[in-house]
Amino acid sequence: MEDGSVRGFKAAAASVQKHLGAAIAAIDLAFGDGYAKANPSLVAAYVQACALEDISVCLAEVGVLVGNGLVSR
């Protein structure tokens, strides 16, 4: 049985994989096949932007829970 930290790590790794695939596809679509491979820093920035968006969604959800009194401050 996995503890919460192992499940969390696996979920985070899966999320990065999803964002990485999306980054490569979007960049190659926008700039041509192979552009993502030739520009890894652009891929990294895209993945980082996706991760920040994930964090903002989570924080918004926590804010709703706190606002509804479901989580104490």
C-alpha atoms as a PDB file:
ATOM      1  CA  MET A   1       0.000   0.000   0.000  1.00  0.00           C
ATOM      2  CA  GLU A   2       1.273   3.455  -0.928  1.00  0.00           C
ATOM      3  CA  ASP A   3       1.290   6.360   1.438  1.00  0.00           C
ATOM      4  CA  GLY A   4      -0.008   9.771   0.443  1.00  0.00           C
ATOM      5  CA  SER A   5       3.392  11.155  -0.492  1.00  0.00           C
ATOM      6  CA  VAL A   6       4.050   8.335  -2.969  1.00  0.00           C
ATOM      7  CA  ARG A   7       0.595   8.777  -4.531  1.00  0.00           C
ATOM      8  CA  GLY A   8       1.201  12.521  -4.702  1.00  0.00           C
ATOM      9  CA  PHE A   9       4.569  12.048  -6.383  1.00  0.00           C
ATOM     10  CA  LYS A  10       3.103   9.660  -8.952  1.00  0.00           C
ATOM     11  CA  ALA A  11       0.265  12.089  -9.673  1.00  0.00           C
ATOM     12  CA  ALA A  12       2.728  14.953 -10.066  1.00  0.00           C
ATOM     13  CA  ALA A  13       4.910  12.905 -12.407  1.00  0.00           C
ATOM     14  CA  ALA A  14       1.872  11.989 -14.508  1.00  0.00           C
ATOM     15  CA  SER A  15       0.881  15.654 -14.674  1.00  0.00           C
ATOM     16  CA  VAL A  16       4.342  16.663 -15.878  1.00  0.00           C
ATOM     17  CA  GLN A  17       4.244  13.932 -18.533  1.00  0.00           C
ATOM     18  CA  LYS A  18       0.859  15.222 -19.715  1.00  0.00           C
ATOM     19  CA  HIS A  19       2.125  18.811 -19.861  1.00  0.00           C
ATOM     20  CA  LEU A  20       5.323  17.749 -21.612  1.00  0.00           C
ATOM     21  CA  GLY A  21       3.391  15.978 -24.353  1.00  0.00           C
ATOM     22  CA  ALA A  22       1.068  18.955 -24.733  1.00  0.00           C
ATOM     23  CA  ALA A  23       4.032  21.343 -24.893  1.00  0.00           C
ATOM     24  CA  ILE A  24       5.780  19.412 -27.633  1.00  0.00           C
ATOM     25  CA  ALA A  25       2.591  19.068 -29.665  1.00  0.00           C
ATOM     26  CA  ALA A  26       1.614  22.737 -29.311  1.00  0.00           C
ATOM     27  CA  ILE A  27       5.078  24.087 -30.058  1.00  0.00           C
ATOM     28  CA  ASP A  28       5.566  21.859 -33.093  1.00  0.00           C
ATOM     29  CA  LEU A  29       2.101  22.797 -34.335  1.00  0.00           C
ATOM     30  CA  ALA A  30       2.860  26.496 -33.982  1.00  0.00           C
ATOM     31  CA  PHE A  31       6.435  26.524 -35.277  1.00  0.00           C
ATOM     32  CA  GLY A  32       6.886  23.331 -37.303  1.00  0.00           C
ATOM     33  CA  ASP A  33       7.914  19.751 -36.667  1.00  0.00           C
ATOM     34  CA  GLY A  34      11.061  19.409 -34.608  1.00  0.00           C
ATOM     35  CA  TYR A  35      10.989  22.950 -33.217  1.00  0.00           C
ATOM     36  CA  ALA A  36      10.274  21.735 -29.688  1.00  0.00           C
ATOM     37  CA  LYS A  37      13.172  19.286 -29.808  1.00  0.00           C
ATOM     38  CA  ALA A  38      15.507  22.033 -31.015  1.00  0.00           C
ATOM     39  CA  ASN A  39      14.295  24.453 -28.321  1.00  0.00           C
ATOM     40  CA  PRO A  40      14.130  22.618 -24.973  1.00  0.00           C
ATOM     41  CA  SER A  41      14.051  25.867 -22.997  1.00  0.00           C
ATOM     42  CA  LEU A  42      10.785  26.782 -24.731  1.00  0.00           C
ATOM     43  CA  VAL A  43       9.367  23.364 -23.824  1.00  0.00           C
ATOM     44  CA  ALA A  44      10.490  23.853 -20.211  1.00  0.00           C
ATOM     45  CA  ALA A  45       8.838  27.278 -20.060  1.00  0.00           C
ATOM     46  CA  TYR A  46       5.601  25.842 -21.431  1.00  0.00           C
ATOM     47  CA  VAL A  47       5.605  23.017 -18.868  1.00  0.00           C
ATOM     48  CA  GLN A  48       6.342  25.525 -16.096  1.00  0.00           C
ATOM     49  CA  ALA A  49       3.443  27.717 -17.227  1.00  0.00           C
ATOM     50  CA  CYS A  50       1.133  24.691 -17.157  1.00  0.00           C
ATOM     51  CA  ALA A  51       2.306  23.806 -13.652  1.00  0.00           C
ATOM     52  CA  LEU A  52       1.647  27.360 -12.473  1.00  0.00           C
ATOM     53  CA  GLU A  53      -1.844  27.169 -13.947  1.00  0.00           C
ATOM     54  CA  ASP A  54      -2.422  23.919 -12.036  1.00  0.00           C
ATOM     55  CA  ILE A  55      -1.324  25.636  -8.825  1.00  0.00           C
ATOM     56  CA  SER A  56      -3.628  28.594  -9.425  1.00  0.00           C
ATOM     57  CA  VAL A  57      -6.586  26.263  -9.959  1.00  0.00           C
ATOM     58  CA  CYS A  58      -5.782  24.407  -6.722  1.00  0.00           C
ATOM     59  CA  LEU A  59      -5.436  27.653  -4.795  1.00  0.00           C
ATOM     60  CA  ALA A  60      -8.756  28.889  -6.166  1.00  0.00           C
ATOM     61  CA  GLU A  61     -10.418  25.657  -5.036  1.00  0.00           C
ATOM     62  CA  VAL A  62      -8.923  26.024  -1.556  1.00  0.00           C
ATOM     63  CA  GLY A  63     -10.162  29.605  -1.453  1.00  0.00           C
ATOM     64  CA  VAL A  64     -13.685  28.426  -2.243  1.00  0.00           C
ATOM     65  CA  LEU A  65     -13.481  25.796   0.510  1.00  0.00           C
ATOM     66  CA  VAL A  66     -12.229  28.358   3.028  1.00  0.00           C
ATOM     67  CA  GLY A  67     -14.879  30.840   1.917  1.00  0.00           C
ATOM     68  CA  ASN A  68     -17.583  28.224   2.376  1.00  0.00           C
ATOM     69  CA  GLY A  69     -16.304  27.374   5.854  1.00  0.00           C
ATOM     70  CA  LEU A  70     -15.324  23.841   4.858  1.00  0.00           C
ATOM     71  CA  VAL A  71     -11.688  24.361   5.813  1.00  0.00           C
ATOM     72  CA  SER A  72     -10.573  26.332   8.856  1.00  0.00           C
ATOM     73  CA  ARG A  73      -8.112  29.169   8.398  1.00  0.00           C
END
